[in-house]
Every structure is written in C-alpha cells, then in structure tokens.
C-alpha cells in the first residue's frame, strides 16, 4: 500500500480503494496458505491453516458483496505479487519446514496486514461504516490467526 491510497475520505471512491486493499490482502493470505500448506506435515497446523483459509474466503465474499453495491469488481492481484509470494515461501522453507518457522512466517504476514488495515482506518475516517466494519473484522481475524500460530512457535 502506498501513501497515495490515503486521502482522509475526501475521494468518493475511497470505499472502493479500501475494499480493493482488503481484497488483495485477503487473497494474498489465501495464496500464502496455499503455498505453505504443501510444506506442512503436522495435522494440527494443517487444520489451523485450512480454517484460516476459509476465514480469508469469508472476508473476500463480504468484499465482493460490497463491490456489487457499487457495480464494480475488485482488482486482481498482480501476477508478479503472486510469484513473489510463492518464491518467498519456497525460499523461506528450503532449509526449515518446521512448524515454528512456518508459524513465524504466518505471524509476520499477519502483522503486516494488521498494520496496513490500521493505516487505512486512520487515514480514511469518512469511509462507509460497512467498509470500516469489514476492515475491523479483517483486523480481528488476522489477530486471531496470529494467536493461533503462536501455539506452533
């Protein structure tokens, strides 16, 4: 996210901008889980990550419902971002596929997502209440995911 995406709610399209950011972040979370799940041997961690994947999917569904109200669809995540995510997971797990290491990677991703959500909230006070609600729920979901991953450290 770049600072030009923050405009204190003056732009009437701010809701679409926020929704796009949530959509991209949630899809990135889903992609990360897809990449990392193949490296996980522990059944408890697999179950946890699968649950997280479905929670990200629920956020994407809510975002899509909001987009429909505007007669729009979310932007696609650029292929380069997807490739970088896949490459990052593969490089980070070449020598260490332990639960602890994978949990650490997932926690770091969640922390970055929480920071970006908070920036969006702080810089866009005039966003639609439902958009803010989705953003807050997304933040809460990421915090919950981090708490679950801490068990594997």
C-alpha atoms as a PDB file:
ATOM      1  CA  UNK A   1       0.000   0.000   0.000  1.00  0.00           C
ATOM      2  CA  UNK A   2       1.311   3.409  -0.834  1.00  0.00           C
ATOM      3  CA  UNK A   3       0.537   6.710   0.825  1.00  0.00           C
ATOM      4  CA  UNK A   4      -1.402   7.919  -2.220  1.00  0.00           C
ATOM      5  CA  UNK A   5      -4.125   5.467  -1.204  1.00  0.00           C
ATOM      6  CA  UNK A   6      -4.788   7.563   1.895  1.00  0.00           C
ATOM      7  CA  UNK A   7      -6.797  10.698   1.391  1.00  0.00           C
ATOM      8  CA  UNK A   8      -8.774  11.201   4.601  1.00  0.00           C
ATOM      9  CA  UNK A   9     -12.008  10.107   2.928  1.00  0.00           C
ATOM     10  CA  UNK A  10     -12.244  13.090   0.556  1.00  0.00           C
ATOM     11  CA  UNK A  11     -12.401  10.908  -2.543  1.00  0.00           C
ATOM     12  CA  UNK A  12     -15.839   9.441  -3.189  1.00  0.00           C
ATOM     13  CA  UNK A  13     -14.139   6.270  -4.398  1.00  0.00           C
ATOM     14  CA  UNK A  14     -12.317   5.751  -1.094  1.00  0.00           C
ATOM     15  CA  UNK A  15     -14.609   2.856  -0.227  1.00  0.00           C
ATOM     16  CA  UNK A  16     -13.618   1.053  -3.419  1.00  0.00           C
ATOM     17  CA  UNK A  17      -9.938   1.740  -2.722  1.00  0.00           C
ATOM     18  CA  UNK A  18     -10.230   0.289   0.785  1.00  0.00           C
ATOM     19  CA  UNK A  19     -12.229  -2.691  -0.451  1.00  0.00           C
ATOM     20  CA  UNK A  20      -9.588  -3.344  -3.110  1.00  0.00           C
ATOM     21  CA  UNK A  21      -6.848  -3.288  -0.489  1.00  0.00           C
ATOM     22  CA  UNK A  22      -8.766  -5.695   1.745  1.00  0.00           C
ATOM     23  CA  UNK A  23      -9.428  -7.981  -1.222  1.00  0.00           C
ATOM     24  CA  UNK A  24      -5.767  -8.033  -2.258  1.00  0.00           C
ATOM     25  CA  UNK A  25      -4.581  -8.650   1.307  1.00  0.00           C
ATOM     26  CA  UNK A  26      -7.107 -11.445   1.912  1.00  0.00           C
ATOM     27  CA  UNK A  27      -6.247 -13.118  -1.385  1.00  0.00           C
ATOM     28  CA  UNK A  28      -2.555 -12.808  -0.545  1.00  0.00           C
ATOM     29  CA  UNK A  29      -3.272 -14.539   2.768  1.00  0.00           C
ATOM     30  CA  UNK A  30      -5.093 -17.309   0.934  1.00  0.00           C
ATOM     31  CA  UNK A  31      -2.257 -17.662  -1.574  1.00  0.00           C
ATOM     32  CA  UNK A  32       0.323 -17.806   1.223  1.00  0.00           C
ATOM     33  CA  UNK A  33      -1.616 -20.563   2.955  1.00  0.00           C
ATOM     34  CA  UNK A  34      -1.908 -22.469  -0.324  1.00  0.00           C
ATOM     35  CA  UNK A  35       1.863 -22.258  -0.845  1.00  0.00           C
ATOM     36  CA  UNK A  36       2.830 -23.106   2.726  1.00  0.00           C
ATOM     37  CA  UNK A  37       0.270 -25.871   3.283  1.00  0.00           C
ATOM     38  CA  UNK A  38       2.214 -28.114   0.910  1.00  0.00           C
ATOM     39  CA  UNK A  39       5.206 -27.844   3.263  1.00  0.00           C
ATOM     40  CA  UNK A  40       3.287 -28.697   6.452  1.00  0.00           C
ATOM     41  CA  UNK A  41       3.377 -32.216   7.848  1.00  0.00           C
ATOM     42  CA  UNK A  42       1.654 -31.581  11.179  1.00  0.00           C
ATOM     43  CA  UNK A  43      -2.096 -32.314  11.067  1.00  0.00           C
ATOM     44  CA  UNK A  44      -2.962 -29.724  13.744  1.00  0.00           C
ATOM     45  CA  UNK A  45      -1.197 -26.997  11.812  1.00  0.00           C
ATOM     46  CA  UNK A  46      -2.842 -28.124   8.563  1.00  0.00           C
ATOM     47  CA  UNK A  47      -6.273 -27.913  10.206  1.00  0.00           C
ATOM     48  CA  UNK A  48      -5.470 -24.489  11.601  1.00  0.00           C
ATOM     49  CA  UNK A  49      -4.258 -23.147   8.265  1.00  0.00           C
ATOM     50  CA  UNK A  50      -7.251 -24.638   6.452  1.00  0.00           C
ATOM     51  CA  UNK A  51      -9.566 -22.859   8.909  1.00  0.00           C
ATOM     52  CA  UNK A  52      -7.664 -19.595   8.350  1.00  0.00           C
ATOM     53  CA  UNK A  53      -8.005 -20.071   4.589  1.00  0.00           C
ATOM     54  CA  UNK A  54     -11.788 -20.340   4.927  1.00  0.00           C
ATOM     55  CA  UNK A  55     -11.875 -17.218   7.138  1.00  0.00           C
ATOM     56  CA  UNK A  56      -9.976 -15.265   4.473  1.00  0.00           C
ATOM     57  CA  UNK A  57     -12.512 -16.567   1.953  1.00  0.00           C
ATOM     58  CA  UNK A  58     -15.377 -15.188   4.046  1.00  0.00           C
ATOM     59  CA  UNK A  59     -13.721 -11.751   4.035  1.00  0.00           C
ATOM     60  CA  UNK A  60     -13.321 -11.932   0.243  1.00  0.00           C
ATOM     61  CA  UNK A  61     -17.023 -12.833  -0.061  1.00  0.00           C
ATOM     62  CA  UNK A  62     -18.009  -9.826   2.059  1.00  0.00           C
ATOM     63  CA  UNK A  63     -15.784  -7.535  -0.007  1.00  0.00           C
ATOM     64  CA  UNK A  64     -17.318  -8.886  -3.214  1.00  0.00           C
ATOM     65  CA  UNK A  65     -20.815  -8.221  -1.848  1.00  0.00           C
ATOM     66  CA  UNK A  66     -19.841  -4.605  -1.147  1.00  0.00           C
ATOM     67  CA  UNK A  67     -18.337  -4.240  -4.618  1.00  0.00           C
ATOM     68  CA  UNK A  68     -21.645  -5.365  -6.114  1.00  0.00           C
ATOM     69  CA  UNK A  69     -23.341  -2.384  -4.426  1.00  0.00           C
ATOM     70  CA  UNK A  70     -21.047  -0.114  -6.455  1.00  0.00           C
ATOM     71  CA  UNK A  71     -21.452  -2.120  -9.648  1.00  0.00           C
ATOM     72  CA  UNK A  72     -17.735  -2.905  -9.593  1.00  0.00           C
ATOM     73  CA  UNK A  73     -15.434  -5.892  -9.162  1.00  0.00           C
ATOM     74  CA  UNK A  74     -12.162  -5.994  -7.191  1.00  0.00           C
ATOM     75  CA  UNK A  75      -8.831  -5.603  -8.916  1.00  0.00           C
ATOM     76  CA  UNK A  76      -6.875  -8.797  -9.447  1.00  0.00           C
ATOM     77  CA  UNK A  77      -3.663  -9.321  -7.521  1.00  0.00           C
ATOM     78  CA  UNK A  78      -0.814  -8.755  -9.988  1.00  0.00           C
ATOM     79  CA  UNK A  79       0.849 -11.965 -11.154  1.00  0.00           C
ATOM     80  CA  UNK A  80       4.239 -10.625 -10.057  1.00  0.00           C
ATOM     81  CA  UNK A  81       2.965 -10.284  -6.468  1.00  0.00           C
ATOM     82  CA  UNK A  82       1.712 -13.875  -6.565  1.00  0.00           C
ATOM     83  CA  UNK A  83       5.023 -15.118  -7.942  1.00  0.00           C
ATOM     84  CA  UNK A  84       6.956 -13.194  -5.285  1.00  0.00           C
ATOM     85  CA  UNK A  85       4.771 -14.724  -2.569  1.00  0.00           C
ATOM     86  CA  UNK A  86       5.320 -18.226  -3.898  1.00  0.00           C
ATOM     87  CA  UNK A  87       9.060 -17.633  -4.277  1.00  0.00           C
ATOM     88  CA  UNK A  88       9.284 -16.162  -0.778  1.00  0.00           C
ATOM     89  CA  UNK A  89       7.585 -19.175   0.787  1.00  0.00           C
ATOM     90  CA  UNK A  90       9.774 -21.587  -1.134  1.00  0.00           C
ATOM     91  CA  UNK A  91      12.989 -19.762  -0.273  1.00  0.00           C
ATOM     92  CA  UNK A  92      11.982 -19.432   3.377  1.00  0.00           C
ATOM     93  CA  UNK A  93      11.235 -23.134   3.703  1.00  0.00           C
ATOM     94  CA  UNK A  94      14.187 -24.631   1.789  1.00  0.00           C
ATOM     95  CA  UNK A  95      16.125 -25.433   4.947  1.00  0.00           C
ATOM     96  CA  UNK A  96      13.420 -25.113   7.607  1.00  0.00           C
ATOM     97  CA  UNK A  97       9.924 -26.554   7.225  1.00  0.00           C
ATOM     98  CA  UNK A  98       9.339 -26.750  10.966  1.00  0.00           C
ATOM     99  CA  UNK A  99       6.026 -25.698  12.493  1.00  0.00           C
ATOM    100  CA  UNK A 100       7.843 -22.978  14.376  1.00  0.00           C
ATOM    101  CA  UNK A 101       9.345 -21.460  11.241  1.00  0.00           C
ATOM    102  CA  UNK A 102       6.115 -21.643   9.255  1.00  0.00           C
ATOM    103  CA  UNK A 103       4.199 -20.132  12.194  1.00  0.00           C
ATOM    104  CA  UNK A 104       6.729 -17.302  12.339  1.00  0.00           C
ATOM    105  CA  UNK A 105       6.267 -16.587   8.626  1.00  0.00           C
ATOM    106  CA  UNK A 106       2.480 -16.544   9.007  1.00  0.00           C
ATOM    107  CA  UNK A 107       2.694 -14.272  12.066  1.00  0.00           C
ATOM    108  CA  UNK A 108       4.909 -11.816  10.197  1.00  0.00           C
ATOM    109  CA  UNK A 109       2.423 -11.706   7.317  1.00  0.00           C
ATOM    110  CA  UNK A 110      -0.460 -11.166   9.729  1.00  0.00           C
ATOM    111  CA  UNK A 111       1.402  -8.357  11.492  1.00  0.00           C
ATOM    112  CA  UNK A 112       1.959  -6.586   8.174  1.00  0.00           C
ATOM    113  CA  UNK A 113      -1.738  -6.961   7.355  1.00  0.00           C
ATOM    114  CA  UNK A 114      -2.802  -5.517  10.709  1.00  0.00           C
ATOM    115  CA  UNK A 115      -0.536  -2.504  10.227  1.00  0.00           C
ATOM    116  CA  UNK A 116      -1.939  -1.826   6.752  1.00  0.00           C
ATOM    117  CA  UNK A 117      -5.533  -2.164   7.995  1.00  0.00           C
ATOM    118  CA  UNK A 118      -4.864   0.298  10.795  1.00  0.00           C
ATOM    119  CA  UNK A 119      -3.363   2.790   8.352  1.00  0.00           C
ATOM    120  CA  UNK A 120      -6.457   2.518   6.175  1.00  0.00           C
ATOM    121  CA  UNK A 121      -8.705   3.118   9.185  1.00  0.00           C
ATOM    122  CA  UNK A 122      -6.661   6.051  10.460  1.00  0.00           C
ATOM    123  CA  UNK A 123      -6.358   7.799   7.111  1.00  0.00           C
ATOM    124  CA  UNK A 124      -9.941   7.298   5.956  1.00  0.00           C
ATOM    125  CA  UNK A 125     -12.286   8.335   8.785  1.00  0.00           C
ATOM    126  CA  UNK A 126     -15.111   9.101   6.337  1.00  0.00           C
ATOM    127  CA  UNK A 127     -15.242   5.639   4.821  1.00  0.00           C
ATOM    128  CA  UNK A 128     -18.618   3.927   4.726  1.00  0.00           C
ATOM    129  CA  UNK A 129     -19.479   2.223   8.057  1.00  0.00           C
ATOM    130  CA  UNK A 130     -19.876  -1.203   6.404  1.00  0.00           C
ATOM    131  CA  UNK A 131     -16.460  -0.883   4.759  1.00  0.00           C
ATOM    132  CA  UNK A 132     -14.959   0.040   8.138  1.00  0.00           C
ATOM    133  CA  UNK A 133     -16.779  -2.925   9.664  1.00  0.00           C
ATOM    134  CA  UNK A 134     -15.201  -5.322   7.151  1.00  0.00           C
ATOM    135  CA  UNK A 135     -11.809  -3.719   7.759  1.00  0.00           C
ATOM    136  CA  UNK A 136     -12.185  -4.089  11.536  1.00  0.00           C
ATOM    137  CA  UNK A 137     -13.336  -7.704  11.186  1.00  0.00           C
ATOM    138  CA  UNK A 138     -10.385  -8.416   8.900  1.00  0.00           C
ATOM    139  CA  UNK A 139      -8.026  -6.964  11.508  1.00  0.00           C
ATOM    140  CA  UNK A 140      -9.624  -9.065  14.258  1.00  0.00           C
ATOM    141  CA  UNK A 141      -9.374 -12.177  12.100  1.00  0.00           C
ATOM    142  CA  UNK A 142      -5.670 -11.571  11.500  1.00  0.00           C
ATOM    143  CA  UNK A 143      -5.078 -11.054  15.232  1.00  0.00           C
ATOM    144  CA  UNK A 144      -6.863 -14.342  15.941  1.00  0.00           C
ATOM    145  CA  UNK A 145      -4.755 -16.098  13.297  1.00  0.00           C
ATOM    146  CA  UNK A 146      -1.592 -14.784  14.931  1.00  0.00           C
ATOM    147  CA  UNK A 147      -2.727 -16.063  18.333  1.00  0.00           C
ATOM    148  CA  UNK A 148      -3.353 -19.498  16.838  1.00  0.00           C
ATOM    149  CA  UNK A 149       0.052 -19.532  15.128  1.00  0.00           C
ATOM    150  CA  UNK A 150       1.823 -18.633  18.394  1.00  0.00           C
ATOM    151  CA  UNK A 151       0.953 -22.123  19.636  1.00  0.00           C
ATOM    152  CA  UNK A 152       3.278 -23.559  16.999  1.00  0.00           C
ATOM    153  CA  UNK A 153       6.327 -21.407  17.815  1.00  0.00           C
END
